[in-house]
Amino acid sequence: MKKLNILLFAISASLTSVFASVAMAHEYSVGDIEIGHPWSRPTPPGTPMGVGYLVIKNHSDKTVTLIGATTPKAEHVSIHETVMVDGVMRMQSVKGGLAISAGGVVELKPLSYHLMLEKLAEPIKEGESIPLTLEFEGAEAVNVELSVQSLDADTKEVEMDHSGHGMEH
């Protein structure tokens, strides 16, 4: 009986450890590229665009470039940057891709670099996971899932209001 209890405890501990790792794991790696905490926000019905944020770590000894991404959730995914031009906050497409230097880290986050999921097939809903393939020049593609977080989730950043005047795409 004692051996059975020990065996059941060991199995229970192992399963708890596995499920905790899966629930907390939000990093992906392929070769020398590591993607951390890919996430998005829900969209209201009828909104044609969503966003994607993540951290890219390049553990190689050469620069790699994020050149694009695809998802079945949107017709097109582009890389954008939020910039201040003459006192006006603007989003602009990043031409030629986003370079990640050797040993470097680039964070796609609100009010900075981000992915635009354009022409959404349907609204993005809180709690869902969005499959996304990141395409690189100089590295293999990386498949991730954007975790859709609530609009009031703490991002440690001030959110950008896309409804205001002066916002240009």
N, C-alpha and C. Protein backbone atom coordinates (compact mmCIF):
# COMPACT_ATOMS: atom_id res chain seq x y z
N MET A 1 0.82 -1.19 0.00
CA MET A 1 0.00 0.00 0.00
C MET A 1 0.87 1.25 0.00
N LYS A 2 1.96 1.21 0.79
CA LYS A 2 2.84 2.37 0.87
C LYS A 2 3.46 2.66 -0.50
N LYS A 3 3.86 1.58 -1.21
CA LYS A 3 4.45 1.75 -2.54
C LYS A 3 3.44 2.34 -3.51
N LEU A 4 2.20 1.93 -3.40
CA LEU A 4 1.14 2.46 -4.26
C LEU A 4 0.95 3.95 -4.00
N ASN A 5 0.92 4.35 -2.73
CA ASN A 5 0.78 5.77 -2.38
C ASN A 5 1.95 6.59 -2.92
N ILE A 6 3.17 6.04 -2.79
CA ILE A 6 4.35 6.75 -3.30
C ILE A 6 4.27 6.87 -4.82
N LEU A 7 3.86 5.79 -5.48
CA LEU A 7 3.72 5.80 -6.93
C LEU A 7 2.66 6.81 -7.37
N LEU A 8 1.51 6.82 -6.71
CA LEU A 8 0.46 7.78 -7.05
C LEU A 8 0.91 9.22 -6.81
N PHE A 9 1.65 9.44 -5.72
CA PHE A 9 2.16 10.79 -5.44
C PHE A 9 3.14 11.21 -6.54
N ALA A 10 4.03 10.30 -6.93
CA ALA A 10 5.02 10.61 -7.97
C ALA A 10 4.33 10.92 -9.30
N ILE A 11 3.33 10.14 -9.66
CA ILE A 11 2.59 10.39 -10.90
C ILE A 11 1.87 11.72 -10.83
N SER A 12 1.24 11.99 -9.70
CA SER A 12 0.53 13.25 -9.51
C SER A 12 1.48 14.45 -9.62
N ALA A 13 2.63 14.34 -8.98
CA ALA A 13 3.62 15.43 -9.02
C ALA A 13 4.13 15.63 -10.45
N SER A 14 4.36 14.53 -11.16
CA SER A 14 4.84 14.63 -12.54
C SER A 14 3.80 15.30 -13.43
N LEU A 15 2.55 14.88 -13.31
CA LEU A 15 1.49 15.46 -14.12
C LEU A 15 1.30 16.94 -13.80
N THR A 16 1.35 17.29 -12.53
CA THR A 16 1.22 18.69 -12.13
C THR A 16 2.35 19.51 -12.74
N SER A 17 3.55 18.97 -12.71
CA SER A 17 4.71 19.66 -13.27
C SER A 17 4.55 19.85 -14.78
N VAL A 18 4.12 18.81 -15.47
CA VAL A 18 3.92 18.90 -16.92
C VAL A 18 2.85 19.93 -17.25
N PHE A 19 1.69 19.86 -16.59
CA PHE A 19 0.61 20.80 -16.89
C PHE A 19 0.99 22.23 -16.51
N ALA A 20 1.72 22.42 -15.44
CA ALA A 20 2.17 23.76 -15.06
C ALA A 20 3.14 24.30 -16.09
N SER A 21 4.04 23.45 -16.59
CA SER A 21 4.99 23.90 -17.61
C SER A 21 4.27 24.28 -18.88
N VAL A 22 3.30 23.48 -19.29
CA VAL A 22 2.54 23.78 -20.50
C VAL A 22 1.75 25.07 -20.33
N ALA A 23 1.12 25.24 -19.19
CA ALA A 23 0.31 26.43 -18.96
C ALA A 23 1.16 27.69 -18.90
N MET A 24 2.38 27.58 -18.36
CA MET A 24 3.23 28.74 -18.22
C MET A 24 4.13 28.95 -19.42
N ALA A 25 4.38 27.91 -20.21
CA ALA A 25 5.27 28.02 -21.34
C ALA A 25 4.66 28.94 -22.39
N HIS A 26 5.37 29.96 -22.67
CA HIS A 26 4.91 30.88 -23.70
C HIS A 26 6.11 31.36 -24.49
N GLU A 27 7.06 30.43 -24.66
CA GLU A 27 8.25 30.72 -25.43
C GLU A 27 8.40 29.64 -26.49
N TYR A 28 8.95 30.05 -27.61
CA TYR A 28 9.15 29.15 -28.73
C TYR A 28 10.57 29.36 -29.23
N SER A 29 11.23 28.29 -29.67
CA SER A 29 12.54 28.43 -30.27
C SER A 29 12.70 27.49 -31.44
N VAL A 30 13.39 28.01 -32.44
CA VAL A 30 13.80 27.21 -33.59
C VAL A 30 15.21 27.68 -33.91
N GLY A 31 16.16 26.75 -33.87
CA GLY A 31 17.56 27.13 -34.12
C GLY A 31 18.00 28.16 -33.09
N ASP A 32 18.54 29.27 -33.59
CA ASP A 32 19.05 30.32 -32.72
C ASP A 32 18.04 31.42 -32.42
N ILE A 33 16.81 31.25 -32.87
CA ILE A 33 15.78 32.27 -32.66
C ILE A 33 14.84 31.81 -31.55
N GLU A 34 14.61 32.71 -30.60
CA GLU A 34 13.70 32.44 -29.49
C GLU A 34 12.62 33.51 -29.50
N ILE A 35 11.37 33.09 -29.40
CA ILE A 35 10.23 34.01 -29.36
C ILE A 35 9.60 33.90 -27.98
N GLY A 36 9.46 35.04 -27.32
CA GLY A 36 8.88 35.05 -25.99
C GLY A 36 7.57 35.81 -25.95
N HIS A 37 6.67 35.34 -25.15
CA HIS A 37 5.37 35.94 -24.84
C HIS A 37 4.65 36.56 -26.05
N PRO A 38 4.29 35.76 -27.05
CA PRO A 38 3.49 36.30 -28.15
C PRO A 38 2.04 36.51 -27.68
N TRP A 39 1.49 37.71 -27.91
CA TRP A 39 0.14 38.00 -27.43
C TRP A 39 -0.56 39.00 -28.34
N SER A 40 -1.86 39.11 -28.13
CA SER A 40 -2.71 40.01 -28.91
C SER A 40 -3.82 40.52 -28.01
N ARG A 41 -4.66 41.35 -28.57
CA ARG A 41 -5.82 41.92 -27.88
C ARG A 41 -7.09 41.53 -28.64
N PRO A 42 -8.22 41.42 -27.95
CA PRO A 42 -9.49 41.16 -28.65
C PRO A 42 -9.88 42.38 -29.48
N THR A 43 -10.69 42.13 -30.50
CA THR A 43 -11.18 43.22 -31.35
C THR A 43 -12.69 43.27 -31.32
N PRO A 44 -13.26 44.47 -31.42
CA PRO A 44 -14.72 44.57 -31.51
C PRO A 44 -15.22 44.01 -32.84
N PRO A 45 -16.47 43.55 -32.91
CA PRO A 45 -17.02 43.06 -34.17
C PRO A 45 -16.89 44.13 -35.26
N GLY A 46 -16.53 43.70 -36.45
CA GLY A 46 -16.42 44.61 -37.58
C GLY A 46 -15.07 45.30 -37.71
N THR A 47 -14.20 45.15 -36.72
CA THR A 47 -12.88 45.76 -36.80
C THR A 47 -12.02 44.91 -37.73
N PRO A 48 -11.47 45.51 -38.78
CA PRO A 48 -10.74 44.72 -39.77
C PRO A 48 -9.30 44.39 -39.40
N MET A 49 -8.77 44.99 -38.32
CA MET A 49 -7.36 44.78 -37.98
C MET A 49 -7.17 44.44 -36.52
N GLY A 50 -6.17 43.60 -36.28
CA GLY A 50 -5.75 43.27 -34.93
C GLY A 50 -4.25 43.48 -34.82
N VAL A 51 -3.70 43.20 -33.65
CA VAL A 51 -2.27 43.41 -33.42
C VAL A 51 -1.62 42.15 -32.87
N GLY A 52 -0.31 42.10 -33.01
CA GLY A 52 0.48 41.03 -32.44
C GLY A 52 1.73 41.61 -31.82
N TYR A 53 2.04 41.13 -30.61
CA TYR A 53 3.22 41.58 -29.89
C TYR A 53 4.02 40.36 -29.45
N LEU A 54 5.34 40.50 -29.32
CA LEU A 54 6.20 39.41 -28.90
C LEU A 54 7.62 39.93 -28.73
N VAL A 55 8.48 39.08 -28.19
CA VAL A 55 9.89 39.40 -28.03
C VAL A 55 10.68 38.42 -28.88
N ILE A 56 11.61 38.95 -29.68
CA ILE A 56 12.47 38.10 -30.53
C ILE A 56 13.89 38.19 -30.00
N LYS A 57 14.47 37.04 -29.67
CA LYS A 57 15.87 36.97 -29.24
C LYS A 57 16.66 36.21 -30.30
N ASN A 58 17.76 36.80 -30.71
CA ASN A 58 18.63 36.18 -31.71
C ASN A 58 19.90 35.70 -31.00
N HIS A 59 20.00 34.39 -30.82
CA HIS A 59 21.16 33.82 -30.13
C HIS A 59 22.30 33.48 -31.09
N SER A 60 22.17 33.85 -32.35
CA SER A 60 23.22 33.53 -33.33
C SER A 60 24.29 34.61 -33.37
N ASP A 61 25.30 34.39 -34.20
CA ASP A 61 26.38 35.36 -34.34
C ASP A 61 26.22 36.20 -35.61
N LYS A 62 25.01 36.22 -36.16
CA LYS A 62 24.73 37.05 -37.34
C LYS A 62 23.37 37.71 -37.21
N THR A 63 23.19 38.82 -37.89
CA THR A 63 21.90 39.51 -37.89
C THR A 63 20.89 38.68 -38.67
N VAL A 64 19.68 38.59 -38.14
CA VAL A 64 18.56 37.98 -38.86
C VAL A 64 17.47 39.04 -38.99
N THR A 65 16.61 38.87 -39.97
CA THR A 65 15.58 39.87 -40.23
C THR A 65 14.21 39.23 -40.26
N LEU A 66 13.29 39.75 -39.44
CA LEU A 66 11.88 39.35 -39.52
C LEU A 66 11.32 40.00 -40.77
N ILE A 67 10.96 39.20 -41.76
CA ILE A 67 10.50 39.76 -43.04
C ILE A 67 9.00 39.64 -43.25
N GLY A 68 8.32 38.89 -42.40
CA GLY A 68 6.88 38.77 -42.55
C GLY A 68 6.30 37.74 -41.61
N ALA A 69 5.00 37.58 -41.72
CA ALA A 69 4.29 36.60 -40.90
C ALA A 69 2.99 36.25 -41.60
N THR A 70 2.45 35.09 -41.26
CA THR A 70 1.16 34.67 -41.81
C THR A 70 0.33 34.03 -40.70
N THR A 71 -0.98 34.13 -40.87
CA THR A 71 -1.92 33.50 -39.95
C THR A 71 -3.21 33.23 -40.71
N PRO A 72 -3.88 32.11 -40.41
CA PRO A 72 -5.17 31.87 -41.06
C PRO A 72 -6.24 32.85 -40.56
N LYS A 73 -5.96 33.59 -39.51
CA LYS A 73 -6.92 34.52 -38.91
C LYS A 73 -7.05 35.81 -39.72
N ALA A 74 -6.03 36.14 -40.52
CA ALA A 74 -6.02 37.40 -41.27
C ALA A 74 -5.53 37.17 -42.70
N GLU A 75 -6.00 38.02 -43.59
CA GLU A 75 -5.58 37.92 -44.99
C GLU A 75 -4.11 38.31 -45.16
N HIS A 76 -3.64 39.25 -44.34
CA HIS A 76 -2.27 39.74 -44.47
C HIS A 76 -1.75 40.15 -43.10
N VAL A 77 -0.46 39.94 -42.88
CA VAL A 77 0.20 40.40 -41.66
C VAL A 77 1.38 41.27 -42.09
N SER A 78 1.46 42.45 -41.51
CA SER A 78 2.58 43.34 -41.83
C SER A 78 3.26 43.80 -40.54
N ILE A 79 4.50 44.25 -40.70
CA ILE A 79 5.28 44.74 -39.57
C ILE A 79 5.15 46.26 -39.57
N HIS A 80 4.75 46.81 -38.43
CA HIS A 80 4.57 48.27 -38.31
C HIS A 80 5.39 48.81 -37.15
N GLU A 81 5.56 50.12 -37.19
CA GLU A 81 6.22 50.84 -36.11
C GLU A 81 5.39 52.08 -35.80
N THR A 82 5.24 52.38 -34.53
CA THR A 82 4.56 53.60 -34.11
C THR A 82 5.64 54.66 -33.90
N VAL A 83 5.46 55.80 -34.55
CA VAL A 83 6.44 56.89 -34.44
C VAL A 83 5.71 58.21 -34.22
N MET A 84 6.44 59.17 -33.68
CA MET A 84 5.92 60.52 -33.50
C MET A 84 6.52 61.38 -34.62
N VAL A 85 5.64 61.97 -35.44
CA VAL A 85 6.08 62.83 -36.54
C VAL A 85 5.36 64.16 -36.41
N ASP A 86 6.13 65.23 -36.20
CA ASP A 86 5.57 66.57 -36.05
C ASP A 86 4.45 66.61 -35.01
N GLY A 87 4.65 65.93 -33.90
CA GLY A 87 3.68 65.93 -32.82
C GLY A 87 2.48 65.04 -33.04
N VAL A 88 2.50 64.26 -34.11
CA VAL A 88 1.38 63.37 -34.43
C VAL A 88 1.86 61.92 -34.36
N MET A 89 1.13 61.09 -33.60
CA MET A 89 1.45 59.67 -33.50
C MET A 89 0.99 58.99 -34.77
N ARG A 90 1.92 58.27 -35.42
CA ARG A 90 1.60 57.58 -36.66
C ARG A 90 2.08 56.14 -36.62
N MET A 91 1.40 55.30 -37.38
CA MET A 91 1.87 53.95 -37.59
C MET A 91 2.34 53.88 -39.02
N GLN A 92 3.52 53.28 -39.21
CA GLN A 92 4.02 53.14 -40.56
C GLN A 92 4.58 51.74 -40.75
N SER A 93 4.48 51.27 -41.96
CA SER A 93 4.99 49.95 -42.31
C SER A 93 6.51 49.98 -42.23
N VAL A 94 7.09 48.89 -41.75
CA VAL A 94 8.55 48.77 -41.68
C VAL A 94 9.00 48.17 -43.01
N LYS A 95 9.72 48.95 -43.78
CA LYS A 95 10.20 48.51 -45.10
C LYS A 95 11.45 47.65 -44.94
N GLY A 96 11.51 46.55 -45.66
CA GLY A 96 12.69 45.69 -45.65
C GLY A 96 12.80 44.76 -44.46
N GLY A 97 11.81 44.77 -43.58
CA GLY A 97 11.82 43.87 -42.44
C GLY A 97 12.43 44.50 -41.20
N LEU A 98 12.43 43.74 -40.14
CA LEU A 98 12.90 44.20 -38.83
C LEU A 98 14.15 43.40 -38.46
N ALA A 99 15.30 44.07 -38.44
CA ALA A 99 16.58 43.41 -38.16
C ALA A 99 16.75 43.16 -36.66
N ILE A 100 17.22 41.96 -36.34
CA ILE A 100 17.56 41.60 -34.97
C ILE A 100 19.05 41.27 -35.00
N SER A 101 19.87 42.11 -34.40
CA SER A 101 21.32 41.95 -34.46
C SER A 101 21.78 40.67 -33.78
N ALA A 102 22.99 40.24 -34.10
CA ALA A 102 23.58 39.06 -33.48
C ALA A 102 23.58 39.23 -31.97
N GLY A 103 23.02 38.27 -31.27
CA GLY A 103 22.93 38.34 -29.82
C GLY A 103 21.93 39.36 -29.30
N GLY A 104 21.15 39.94 -30.21
CA GLY A 104 20.24 41.02 -29.84
C GLY A 104 18.83 40.57 -29.52
N VAL A 105 18.06 41.54 -29.01
CA VAL A 105 16.66 41.33 -28.64
C VAL A 105 15.86 42.50 -29.19
N VAL A 106 14.71 42.20 -29.80
CA VAL A 106 13.78 43.23 -30.25
C VAL A 106 12.41 42.89 -29.68
N GLU A 107 11.78 43.88 -29.06
CA GLU A 107 10.46 43.67 -28.48
C GLU A 107 9.41 44.38 -29.32
N LEU A 108 8.41 43.63 -29.76
CA LEU A 108 7.25 44.20 -30.44
C LEU A 108 6.23 44.43 -29.34
N LYS A 109 5.84 45.70 -29.12
CA LYS A 109 5.00 46.05 -27.99
C LYS A 109 4.17 47.28 -28.35
N PRO A 110 3.17 47.61 -27.53
CA PRO A 110 2.37 48.81 -27.80
C PRO A 110 3.27 50.05 -27.88
N LEU A 111 2.92 50.95 -28.79
CA LEU A 111 3.63 52.21 -29.03
C LEU A 111 5.04 52.00 -29.57
N SER A 112 5.29 50.90 -30.24
CA SER A 112 6.60 50.58 -30.78
C SER A 112 6.40 49.71 -32.02
N TYR A 113 7.30 48.78 -32.24
CA TYR A 113 7.11 47.80 -33.32
C TYR A 113 5.96 46.88 -32.95
N HIS A 114 5.21 46.44 -33.94
CA HIS A 114 4.12 45.49 -33.71
C HIS A 114 3.72 44.87 -35.04
N LEU A 115 2.98 43.78 -34.97
CA LEU A 115 2.43 43.14 -36.16
C LEU A 115 1.00 43.60 -36.34
N MET A 116 0.63 43.93 -37.56
CA MET A 116 -0.76 44.28 -37.88
C MET A 116 -1.38 43.08 -38.59
N LEU A 117 -2.43 42.53 -38.00
CA LEU A 117 -3.18 41.44 -38.62
C LEU A 117 -4.30 42.10 -39.39
N GLU A 118 -4.17 42.13 -40.72
CA GLU A 118 -5.06 42.91 -41.57
C GLU A 118 -6.11 42.03 -42.25
N LYS A 119 -7.28 42.62 -42.41
CA LYS A 119 -8.42 41.94 -43.03
C LYS A 119 -8.74 40.64 -42.28
N LEU A 120 -9.09 40.81 -41.02
CA LEU A 120 -9.42 39.66 -40.17
C LEU A 120 -10.61 38.90 -40.74
N ALA A 121 -10.54 37.59 -40.68
CA ALA A 121 -11.65 36.74 -41.12
C ALA A 121 -12.83 36.85 -40.15
N GLU A 122 -12.52 37.07 -38.87
CA GLU A 122 -13.54 37.22 -37.83
C GLU A 122 -12.88 37.94 -36.65
N PRO A 123 -13.66 38.48 -35.74
CA PRO A 123 -13.07 39.19 -34.60
C PRO A 123 -12.14 38.29 -33.78
N ILE A 124 -11.18 38.91 -33.15
CA ILE A 124 -10.28 38.22 -32.24
C ILE A 124 -10.94 38.24 -30.86
N LYS A 125 -11.03 37.06 -30.23
CA LYS A 125 -11.75 36.94 -28.96
C LYS A 125 -10.79 36.66 -27.81
N GLU A 126 -11.07 37.28 -26.67
CA GLU A 126 -10.28 37.06 -25.46
C GLU A 126 -10.23 35.56 -25.14
N GLY A 127 -9.05 35.09 -24.80
CA GLY A 127 -8.88 33.70 -24.41
C GLY A 127 -8.49 32.77 -25.55
N GLU A 128 -8.65 33.20 -26.80
CA GLU A 128 -8.29 32.32 -27.90
C GLU A 128 -6.79 32.39 -28.18
N SER A 129 -6.31 31.43 -28.93
CA SER A 129 -4.92 31.40 -29.38
C SER A 129 -4.93 31.52 -30.89
N ILE A 130 -4.07 32.38 -31.40
CA ILE A 130 -4.01 32.61 -32.84
C ILE A 130 -2.71 32.04 -33.38
N PRO A 131 -2.78 31.04 -34.27
CA PRO A 131 -1.55 30.50 -34.85
C PRO A 131 -0.91 31.55 -35.76
N LEU A 132 0.40 31.65 -35.68
CA LEU A 132 1.14 32.66 -36.43
C LEU A 132 2.48 32.07 -36.82
N THR A 133 2.86 32.22 -38.08
CA THR A 133 4.18 31.80 -38.54
C THR A 133 5.01 33.03 -38.82
N LEU A 134 6.13 33.15 -38.12
CA LEU A 134 7.05 34.27 -38.32
C LEU A 134 8.11 33.84 -39.34
N GLU A 135 8.31 34.69 -40.34
CA GLU A 135 9.25 34.37 -41.43
C GLU A 135 10.48 35.26 -41.31
N PHE A 136 11.64 34.62 -41.38
CA PHE A 136 12.91 35.33 -41.20
C PHE A 136 13.81 35.17 -42.41
N GLU A 137 14.63 36.17 -42.64
CA GLU A 137 15.74 36.05 -43.57
C GLU A 137 16.96 35.76 -42.70
N GLY A 138 17.65 34.67 -42.99
CA GLY A 138 18.81 34.30 -42.19
C GLY A 138 18.49 33.34 -41.06
N ALA A 139 17.25 32.89 -40.97
CA ALA A 139 16.85 31.92 -39.94
C ALA A 139 15.59 31.20 -40.41
N GLU A 140 15.32 30.07 -39.77
CA GLU A 140 14.12 29.31 -40.10
C GLU A 140 12.85 30.00 -39.60
N ALA A 141 11.74 29.68 -40.22
CA ALA A 141 10.44 30.20 -39.77
C ALA A 141 10.13 29.63 -38.38
N VAL A 142 9.39 30.40 -37.59
CA VAL A 142 9.01 29.97 -36.25
C VAL A 142 7.50 30.03 -36.13
N ASN A 143 6.89 28.92 -35.75
CA ASN A 143 5.45 28.87 -35.51
C ASN A 143 5.18 29.16 -34.04
N VAL A 144 4.29 30.13 -33.79
CA VAL A 144 3.92 30.50 -32.42
C VAL A 144 2.41 30.60 -32.34
N GLU A 145 1.91 30.85 -31.16
CA GLU A 145 0.49 31.13 -30.95
C GLU A 145 0.37 32.40 -30.15
N LEU A 146 -0.36 33.38 -30.70
CA LEU A 146 -0.63 34.61 -29.97
C LEU A 146 -1.72 34.32 -28.95
N SER A 147 -1.45 34.59 -27.70
CA SER A 147 -2.42 34.42 -26.63
C SER A 147 -3.22 35.72 -26.53
N VAL A 148 -4.53 35.65 -26.71
CA VAL A 148 -5.35 36.85 -26.70
C VAL A 148 -5.72 37.20 -25.26
N GLN A 149 -5.20 38.35 -24.80
CA GLN A 149 -5.41 38.81 -23.43
C GLN A 149 -6.49 39.86 -23.39
N SER A 150 -7.09 40.03 -22.23
CA SER A 150 -8.16 41.01 -22.06
C SER A 150 -7.64 42.42 -22.32
N LEU A 151 -8.55 43.32 -22.64
CA LEU A 151 -8.17 44.70 -22.91
C LEU A 151 -7.58 45.39 -21.69
N ASP A 152 -7.93 44.92 -20.49
CA ASP A 152 -7.42 45.57 -19.29
C ASP A 152 -6.24 44.82 -18.66
N ALA A 153 -5.66 43.85 -19.40
CA ALA A 153 -4.50 43.13 -18.88
C ALA A 153 -3.34 44.10 -18.70
N ASP A 154 -2.56 43.89 -17.66
CA ASP A 154 -1.43 44.77 -17.37
C ASP A 154 -0.30 44.49 -18.36
N THR A 155 0.03 45.48 -19.18
CA THR A 155 1.11 45.34 -20.14
C THR A 155 2.31 46.19 -19.78
N LYS A 156 2.22 46.94 -18.68
CA LYS A 156 3.28 47.83 -18.24
C LYS A 156 3.56 48.91 -19.28
N GLU A 157 2.62 49.16 -20.13
CA GLU A 157 2.74 50.19 -21.16
C GLU A 157 1.42 50.93 -21.24
N VAL A 158 1.47 52.15 -21.65
CA VAL A 158 0.25 52.91 -21.90
C VAL A 158 -0.24 52.49 -23.27
N GLU A 159 -1.50 52.13 -23.35
CA GLU A 159 -2.06 51.73 -24.63
C GLU A 159 -2.27 52.93 -25.54
N MET A 160 -2.15 52.70 -26.83
CA MET A 160 -2.35 53.74 -27.82
C MET A 160 -3.80 53.77 -28.23
N ASP A 161 -4.40 54.94 -28.24
CA ASP A 161 -5.79 55.10 -28.65
C ASP A 161 -5.84 55.28 -30.16
N HIS A 162 -6.31 54.26 -30.87
CA HIS A 162 -6.37 54.30 -32.32
C HIS A 162 -7.58 55.07 -32.83
N SER A 163 -8.44 55.57 -31.95
CA SER A 163 -9.66 56.23 -32.41
C SER A 163 -9.50 57.75 -32.53
N GLY A 164 -8.38 58.28 -32.06
CA GLY A 164 -8.19 59.73 -32.04
C GLY A 164 -7.86 60.31 -33.39
N HIS A 165 -7.98 61.63 -33.48
CA HIS A 165 -7.61 62.32 -34.71
C HIS A 165 -6.09 62.33 -34.84
N GLY A 166 -5.63 62.45 -36.04
CA GLY A 166 -4.19 62.52 -36.27
C GLY A 166 -3.54 61.16 -36.40
N MET A 167 -4.30 60.11 -36.29
CA MET A 167 -3.75 58.78 -36.45
C MET A 167 -3.76 58.43 -37.91
N GLU A 168 -2.60 58.18 -38.47
CA GLU A 168 -2.51 57.87 -39.88
C GLU A 168 -1.90 56.49 -40.06
N HIS A 169 -2.37 55.79 -41.08
CA HIS A 169 -1.80 54.46 -41.41
C HIS A 169 -1.12 54.55 -42.74
